[in-house]
Amino acid sequence: MSTSLLKTGILLAVMTAIFVGMGGLIGGQSGMVIAFFIALAMNAFSFWNADKIVLRMHGAQEVDERSAPDYYTIVRDLAHRAGLPMPRVYVMHAAQPNAFATGRSPERSAVCASTGLLEMLSREEVAAVMAHELAHIKNRDTLIMTVSATIAGAISMMANMLQFSMLFGGRNGRGNILGVIAAAIIAPFAAMLIQMAISRSREYYADRVGAEIVGNPHWLASALARIHEAAHGVRMESAERIPASAHLFIINPLIGGTIDNLFSTHPNVQNRIDALEALARDMGAQGDAPRPSENQPRRRASPWSRNQRRSGGTLADRGNPIPPRTRRRGPWS
């Protein structure tokens, strides 16, 4: 816990410095003071409420054992296997298959899957995805990832203010218009680099721990391949509006983010799949647990569609219809 808090503290200090520097460019010395106190308040608020902020950003709705019995049961069983407290379980109304975890501690954590993911993936693949998200909770990644999302969002907002003030003749105390232009470009980029440094290495480790929790790396490898293929053809509006939260998701939700380079919030998907295949060989899972795409029964519905039969329709059906191309009962139907 101390390591996680230390990293979070360093992250907040760096992002606060960026935020205060941008305040100075807008309003000089007084702008720096105002930005400093705003940053302090924002840091404290985000530390205690970042999970609620992120869930609200993506319009997530909490579900329970009655409203989503199979999905809820998957998370409960996996949390028990991982030795974690039961997290709150959410669904976001998005056709793009994706998921994320949030919360400042395992005791105050939440997992969220999109309706697209619950409709498209098999039960085994959904379990593997949720195991990955529980791995982030177990590794205590969610605090630093969630806080960085809220602070980076604020820095992006400040950059927009700088650009707006520049258009209407605003300058800093010395009239350094080039400094304003540089800050408007560099500050969001610096915040993005901080997020990537946190996110990319953690995804590999969460893949490994999640595969160990669910018991079969092939299931997670199959899920990553399916999500990656589908995500780039379906736009997630909430993520596009708030790109600073993209690193929270198991797969980059932003259209076009496909390359494993400096500008990607996630490692290359094929690299992750290769690492999971190697883990499967190490675990001896290759012979004991076949890949979902090979020998699994072909008539197995996703946990969300099973709930649909029980409750007379998914949450998406009741108010946020899923496009026909993603509304199906999982790959085994």
Protein backbone atom coordinates (compact mmCIF):
# COMPACT_ATOMS: atom_id res chain seq x y z
CA MET A 1 0.00 0.00 0.00
CA SER A 2 2.84 2.42 0.81
CA THR A 3 4.34 1.99 -2.69
CA SER A 4 0.99 2.74 -4.32
CA LEU A 5 0.51 5.84 -2.19
CA LEU A 6 4.07 7.00 -2.93
CA LYS A 7 3.56 6.66 -6.68
CA THR A 8 0.21 8.42 -6.41
CA GLY A 9 1.84 11.23 -4.44
CA ILE A 10 4.56 11.68 -7.07
CA LEU A 11 1.97 11.66 -9.83
CA LEU A 12 -0.14 14.29 -8.08
CA ALA A 13 2.93 16.46 -7.46
CA VAL A 14 3.98 16.38 -11.13
CA MET A 15 0.50 17.02 -12.44
CA THR A 16 -0.04 19.78 -9.88
CA ALA A 17 3.18 21.46 -11.05
CA ILE A 18 1.97 21.32 -14.65
CA PHE A 19 -1.41 22.72 -13.63
CA VAL A 20 0.14 25.56 -11.59
CA GLY A 21 2.55 26.43 -14.40
CA MET A 22 -0.31 26.71 -16.83
CA GLY A 23 -2.16 28.91 -14.35
CA GLY A 24 0.86 31.19 -14.32
CA LEU A 25 0.76 31.49 -18.09
CA ILE A 26 -2.88 32.51 -17.94
CA GLY A 27 -2.76 34.92 -15.00
CA GLY A 28 0.87 35.48 -14.03
CA GLN A 29 1.85 35.13 -10.36
CA SER A 30 -1.70 35.53 -9.10
CA GLY A 31 -2.81 32.90 -11.62
CA MET A 32 -0.21 30.49 -10.21
CA VAL A 33 -1.52 31.02 -6.67
CA ILE A 34 -5.12 30.50 -7.74
CA ALA A 35 -4.19 27.42 -9.77
CA PHE A 36 -2.24 26.01 -6.80
CA PHE A 37 -5.23 26.19 -4.47
CA ILE A 38 -7.53 24.85 -7.17
CA ALA A 39 -5.10 21.95 -7.67
CA LEU A 40 -4.99 21.20 -3.94
CA ALA A 41 -8.79 21.11 -3.76
CA MET A 42 -8.97 19.05 -6.93
CA ASN A 43 -6.37 16.54 -5.66
CA ALA A 44 -8.21 16.06 -2.38
CA PHE A 45 -11.57 15.72 -4.10
CA SER A 46 -10.27 13.31 -6.72
CA PHE A 47 -8.55 11.14 -4.12
CA TRP A 48 -11.82 10.56 -2.29
CA ASN A 49 -14.28 10.73 -5.17
CA ALA A 50 -12.40 9.82 -8.36
CA ASP A 51 -14.23 6.50 -8.70
CA LYS A 52 -17.62 8.23 -8.62
CA ILE A 53 -16.39 10.83 -11.11
CA VAL A 54 -15.16 8.21 -13.59
CA LEU A 55 -18.33 6.11 -13.33
CA ARG A 56 -20.44 9.21 -13.87
CA MET A 57 -18.28 10.24 -16.85
CA HIS A 58 -19.27 7.04 -18.63
CA GLY A 59 -22.90 6.91 -17.50
CA ALA A 60 -22.37 3.65 -15.59
CA GLN A 61 -25.35 2.07 -13.83
CA GLU A 62 -24.92 -0.20 -10.82
CA VAL A 63 -26.38 -3.72 -11.06
CA ASP A 64 -26.91 -6.47 -8.51
CA GLU A 65 -27.67 -10.18 -8.33
CA ARG A 66 -31.30 -9.62 -9.32
CA SER A 67 -30.76 -7.31 -12.29
CA ALA A 68 -27.71 -9.12 -13.73
CA PRO A 69 -27.42 -12.50 -11.99
CA ASP A 70 -24.85 -14.21 -14.22
CA TYR A 71 -22.60 -11.18 -14.63
CA TYR A 72 -22.77 -10.44 -10.91
CA THR A 73 -22.04 -14.08 -10.03
CA ILE A 74 -18.98 -14.13 -12.28
CA VAL A 75 -17.53 -11.10 -10.50
CA ARG A 76 -18.39 -12.48 -7.04
CA ASP A 77 -16.78 -15.85 -7.72
CA LEU A 78 -13.65 -14.29 -9.19
CA ALA A 79 -13.32 -11.84 -6.29
CA HIS A 80 -13.51 -14.80 -3.90
CA ARG A 81 -10.79 -16.63 -5.86
CA ALA A 82 -8.61 -13.51 -5.80
CA GLY A 83 -9.12 -12.98 -2.07
CA LEU A 84 -10.73 -9.58 -2.63
CA PRO A 85 -13.79 -7.90 -1.11
CA MET A 86 -16.79 -7.90 -3.41
CA PRO A 87 -16.55 -4.80 -5.61
CA ARG A 88 -19.54 -2.81 -6.77
CA VAL A 89 -20.65 -4.00 -10.21
CA TYR A 90 -21.62 -1.58 -12.98
CA VAL A 91 -22.76 -1.63 -16.60
CA MET A 92 -22.24 1.21 -19.06
CA HIS A 93 -24.50 1.56 -22.07
CA ALA A 94 -22.01 1.34 -24.92
CA ALA A 95 -22.01 -0.90 -27.97
CA GLN A 96 -18.20 -1.02 -27.99
CA PRO A 97 -16.97 -4.05 -25.99
CA ASN A 98 -14.78 -2.79 -23.15
CA ALA A 99 -14.39 -2.73 -19.37
CA PHE A 100 -12.55 -0.93 -16.59
CA ALA A 101 -12.01 -0.94 -12.83
CA THR A 102 -11.89 2.03 -10.49
CA GLY A 103 -11.66 2.89 -6.80
CA ARG A 104 -9.03 4.04 -4.33
CA SER A 105 -8.73 0.68 -2.53
CA PRO A 106 -10.00 -2.91 -2.76
CA GLU A 107 -12.59 -2.03 -0.12
CA ARG A 108 -13.86 0.92 -2.22
CA SER A 109 -13.58 -0.56 -5.69
CA ALA A 110 -15.89 -1.05 -8.65
CA VAL A 111 -15.79 -2.92 -11.95
CA CYS A 112 -17.69 -1.87 -15.04
CA ALA A 113 -18.38 -3.67 -18.32
CA SER A 114 -20.09 -2.29 -21.39
CA THR A 115 -23.29 -3.83 -22.67
CA GLY A 116 -21.42 -4.50 -25.91
CA LEU A 117 -18.87 -6.64 -24.09
CA LEU A 118 -21.53 -8.59 -22.19
CA GLU A 119 -23.45 -9.25 -25.39
CA MET A 120 -20.53 -10.16 -27.61
CA LEU A 121 -18.22 -12.31 -25.48
CA SER A 122 -18.71 -15.81 -24.13
CA ARG A 123 -19.04 -16.47 -20.42
CA GLU A 124 -15.41 -17.60 -20.24
CA GLU A 125 -14.18 -14.51 -22.01
CA VAL A 126 -16.27 -12.19 -19.83
CA ALA A 127 -14.82 -13.95 -16.77
CA ALA A 128 -11.29 -13.44 -18.10
CA VAL A 129 -11.91 -9.73 -18.72
CA MET A 130 -13.35 -9.21 -15.25
CA ALA A 131 -10.42 -11.16 -13.76
CA HIS A 132 -8.10 -8.68 -15.49
CA GLU A 133 -9.99 -5.79 -13.91
CA LEU A 134 -9.90 -7.47 -10.50
CA ALA A 135 -6.14 -7.87 -10.97
CA HIS A 136 -5.88 -4.07 -11.22
CA ILE A 137 -7.77 -3.85 -7.93
CA LYS A 138 -5.61 -6.54 -6.33
CA ASN A 139 -2.43 -4.80 -7.51
CA ARG A 140 -3.83 -1.49 -6.22
CA ASP A 141 -3.49 0.12 -9.64
CA THR A 142 -6.92 1.68 -9.56
CA LEU A 143 -6.05 4.54 -7.20
CA ILE A 144 -3.27 5.98 -9.33
CA MET A 145 -5.05 5.20 -12.62
CA THR A 146 -8.31 6.81 -11.53
CA VAL A 147 -6.70 9.89 -9.99
CA SER A 148 -4.52 10.41 -13.06
CA ALA A 149 -7.62 10.31 -15.25
CA THR A 150 -9.30 13.13 -13.33
CA ILE A 151 -6.19 15.33 -13.04
CA ALA A 152 -5.18 14.82 -16.68
CA GLY A 153 -8.70 15.81 -17.66
CA ALA A 154 -8.30 19.04 -15.69
CA ILE A 155 -4.96 19.76 -17.39
CA SER A 156 -6.57 19.27 -20.78
CA MET A 157 -9.30 21.71 -19.74
CA MET A 158 -6.64 24.23 -18.68
CA ALA A 159 -4.93 23.84 -22.07
CA ASN A 160 -8.22 24.66 -23.78
CA MET A 161 -8.48 27.78 -21.62
CA LEU A 162 -4.97 28.80 -22.68
CA GLN A 163 -5.84 28.44 -26.33
CA PHE A 164 -9.07 30.37 -25.80
CA SER A 165 -7.27 33.23 -24.01
CA MET A 166 -4.62 33.33 -26.74
CA LEU A 167 -7.29 33.75 -29.42
CA PHE A 168 -8.63 36.82 -27.59
CA GLY A 169 -5.26 38.41 -26.95
CA GLY A 170 -4.52 36.98 -23.52
CA ARG A 171 -0.84 36.82 -22.55
CA ASN A 172 1.25 36.16 -19.47
CA GLY A 173 2.98 38.96 -17.57
CA ARG A 174 5.90 39.18 -20.04
CA GLY A 175 3.77 38.80 -23.11
CA ASN A 176 5.44 35.52 -24.06
CA ILE A 177 2.90 34.27 -26.57
CA LEU A 178 5.26 31.47 -27.62
CA GLY A 179 5.26 30.19 -24.05
CA VAL A 180 1.49 30.08 -24.06
CA ILE A 181 1.48 28.15 -27.34
CA ALA A 182 4.12 25.72 -26.05
CA ALA A 183 2.24 25.14 -22.79
CA ALA A 184 -1.02 24.54 -24.62
CA ILE A 185 0.71 21.77 -26.58
CA ILE A 186 3.28 20.39 -24.14
CA ALA A 187 1.28 20.28 -20.90
CA PRO A 188 -1.41 17.85 -22.13
CA PHE A 189 1.34 15.81 -23.79
CA ALA A 190 3.27 15.67 -20.51
CA ALA A 191 0.14 14.54 -18.67
CA MET A 192 -0.39 11.86 -21.33
CA LEU A 193 3.20 10.63 -20.91
CA ILE A 194 2.67 10.29 -17.16
CA GLN A 195 -0.48 8.27 -17.75
CA MET A 196 1.26 6.02 -20.26
CA ALA A 197 4.20 5.40 -17.94
CA ILE A 198 1.70 4.24 -15.35
CA SER A 199 -0.64 2.33 -17.61
CA ARG A 200 1.33 0.34 -20.18
CA SER A 201 3.53 -1.76 -17.88
CA ARG A 202 0.61 -2.37 -15.54
CA GLU A 203 -1.52 -3.84 -18.31
CA TYR A 204 0.95 -6.67 -18.87
CA TYR A 205 1.06 -7.47 -15.17
CA ALA A 206 -2.74 -7.27 -14.83
CA ASP A 207 -3.04 -9.67 -17.80
CA ARG A 208 -0.80 -12.15 -16.02
CA VAL A 209 -2.51 -11.89 -12.63
CA GLY A 210 -5.97 -11.92 -14.24
CA ALA A 211 -5.13 -15.07 -16.21
CA GLU A 212 -3.99 -16.72 -12.98
CA ILE A 213 -7.21 -15.70 -11.23
CA VAL A 214 -9.49 -17.07 -13.96
CA GLY A 215 -7.28 -20.11 -14.44
CA ASN A 216 -6.78 -20.03 -18.23
CA PRO A 217 -4.66 -17.46 -20.12
CA HIS A 218 -6.25 -18.55 -23.43
CA TRP A 219 -9.61 -17.12 -22.36
CA LEU A 220 -8.13 -13.67 -21.79
CA ALA A 221 -6.10 -13.87 -25.01
CA SER A 222 -9.26 -14.71 -26.95
CA ALA A 223 -11.18 -11.90 -25.23
CA LEU A 224 -8.47 -9.34 -26.04
CA ALA A 225 -8.47 -10.37 -29.70
CA ARG A 226 -12.27 -10.11 -29.96
CA ILE A 227 -12.46 -6.78 -28.12
CA HIS A 228 -9.62 -5.28 -30.16
CA GLU A 229 -11.21 -6.32 -33.45
CA ALA A 230 -14.66 -5.00 -32.51
CA ALA A 231 -13.60 -1.84 -30.66
CA HIS A 232 -12.10 -0.19 -33.72
CA GLY A 233 -15.36 -0.41 -35.60
CA VAL A 234 -17.59 0.95 -32.82
CA ARG A 235 -17.22 4.44 -31.38
CA MET A 236 -17.53 4.96 -27.60
CA GLU A 237 -18.87 8.48 -27.23
CA SER A 238 -18.06 8.92 -23.53
CA ALA A 239 -14.41 7.97 -24.06
CA GLU A 240 -14.11 10.22 -27.11
CA ARG A 241 -15.43 13.13 -25.03
CA ILE A 242 -13.00 12.37 -22.17
CA PRO A 243 -9.85 10.86 -23.72
CA ALA A 244 -7.96 11.32 -20.43
CA SER A 245 -9.85 8.27 -19.11
CA ALA A 246 -8.82 5.98 -21.98
CA HIS A 247 -6.03 4.32 -20.00
CA LEU A 248 -8.57 2.89 -17.53
CA PHE A 249 -10.02 0.47 -20.10
CA ILE A 250 -8.75 -3.01 -20.88
CA ILE A 251 -8.42 -2.00 -24.57
CA ASN A 252 -7.91 1.56 -25.80
CA PRO A 253 -11.48 2.78 -26.47
CA LEU A 254 -10.40 5.61 -28.78
CA ILE A 255 -10.82 4.96 -32.47
CA GLY A 256 -7.47 4.72 -34.24
CA GLY A 257 -5.24 3.88 -31.26
CA THR A 258 -3.69 0.69 -32.61
CA ILE A 259 0.08 1.13 -32.52
CA ASP A 260 2.37 0.19 -29.64
CA ASN A 261 4.38 3.38 -29.61
CA LEU A 262 4.93 6.50 -27.55
CA PHE A 263 1.46 7.82 -28.30
CA SER A 264 -0.50 4.72 -27.26
CA THR A 265 -2.10 4.45 -23.83
CA HIS A 266 -2.02 0.64 -24.05
CA PRO A 267 0.54 -1.98 -25.09
CA ASN A 268 0.11 -3.56 -28.49
CA VAL A 269 -2.66 -6.16 -28.28
CA GLN A 270 -0.70 -8.81 -30.15
CA ASN A 271 2.18 -8.38 -27.72
CA ARG A 272 -0.23 -8.94 -24.85
CA ILE A 273 -1.68 -12.02 -26.52
CA ASP A 274 1.81 -13.41 -27.12
CA ALA A 275 2.66 -12.91 -23.46
CA LEU A 276 -0.52 -14.73 -22.44
CA GLU A 277 0.27 -17.62 -24.80
CA ALA A 278 3.70 -17.91 -23.21
CA LEU A 279 2.09 -17.85 -19.77
CA ALA A 280 -0.30 -20.61 -20.86
CA ARG A 281 2.65 -22.77 -21.81
CA ASP A 282 4.31 -22.08 -18.47
CA MET A 283 1.09 -22.94 -16.62
CA GLY A 284 0.57 -26.09 -18.63
CA ALA A 285 -2.83 -24.80 -19.70
CA GLN A 286 -2.34 -25.58 -23.37
CA GLY A 287 -3.29 -29.23 -22.99
CA ASP A 288 -5.56 -29.00 -19.95
CA ALA A 289 -7.68 -26.03 -20.98
CA PRO A 290 -8.35 -25.61 -24.73
CA ARG A 291 -8.61 -22.21 -26.33
CA PRO A 292 -12.17 -20.82 -26.40
CA SER A 293 -11.95 -20.50 -30.17
CA GLU A 294 -11.19 -24.19 -30.73
CA ASN A 295 -13.01 -26.90 -28.82
CA GLN A 296 -15.54 -25.13 -26.61
CA PRO A 297 -19.24 -25.93 -27.15
CA ARG A 298 -20.76 -23.71 -29.79
CA ARG A 299 -24.09 -23.05 -28.07
CA ARG A 300 -23.22 -21.06 -25.00
CA ALA A 301 -24.77 -17.64 -24.42
CA SER A 302 -23.04 -14.70 -22.82
CA PRO A 303 -23.92 -13.91 -19.17
CA TRP A 304 -25.75 -10.78 -20.26
CA SER A 305 -28.00 -12.55 -22.74
CA ARG A 306 -28.81 -15.21 -20.13
CA ASN A 307 -29.97 -12.40 -17.87
CA GLN A 308 -31.99 -11.04 -20.78
CA ARG A 309 -33.99 -14.25 -20.90
CA ARG A 310 -34.61 -14.10 -17.14
CA SER A 311 -35.54 -10.46 -16.78
CA GLY A 312 -37.19 -9.65 -20.09
CA GLY A 313 -34.46 -7.57 -21.66
CA THR A 314 -31.08 -6.04 -20.92
CA LEU A 315 -30.57 -2.57 -19.51
CA ALA A 316 -29.48 -1.56 -22.98
CA ASP A 317 -32.72 -2.87 -24.46
CA ARG A 318 -34.75 -0.79 -22.04
CA GLY A 319 -33.35 2.58 -23.00
CA ASN A 320 -30.11 2.40 -24.94
CA PRO A 321 -30.48 -0.05 -27.83
CA ILE A 322 -27.37 -1.81 -29.08
CA PRO A 323 -26.82 -1.73 -32.83
CA PRO A 324 -27.94 -4.97 -34.49
CA ARG A 325 -24.41 -5.99 -35.47
CA THR A 326 -23.37 -6.35 -31.79
CA ARG A 327 -26.62 -7.62 -30.31
CA ARG A 328 -26.12 -11.37 -30.16
CA ARG A 329 -25.85 -14.09 -27.60
CA GLY A 330 -22.11 -14.44 -27.50
CA PRO A 331 -19.85 -16.28 -29.95
CA TRP A 332 -21.19 -19.75 -29.05
CA SER A 333 -24.79 -19.09 -30.12
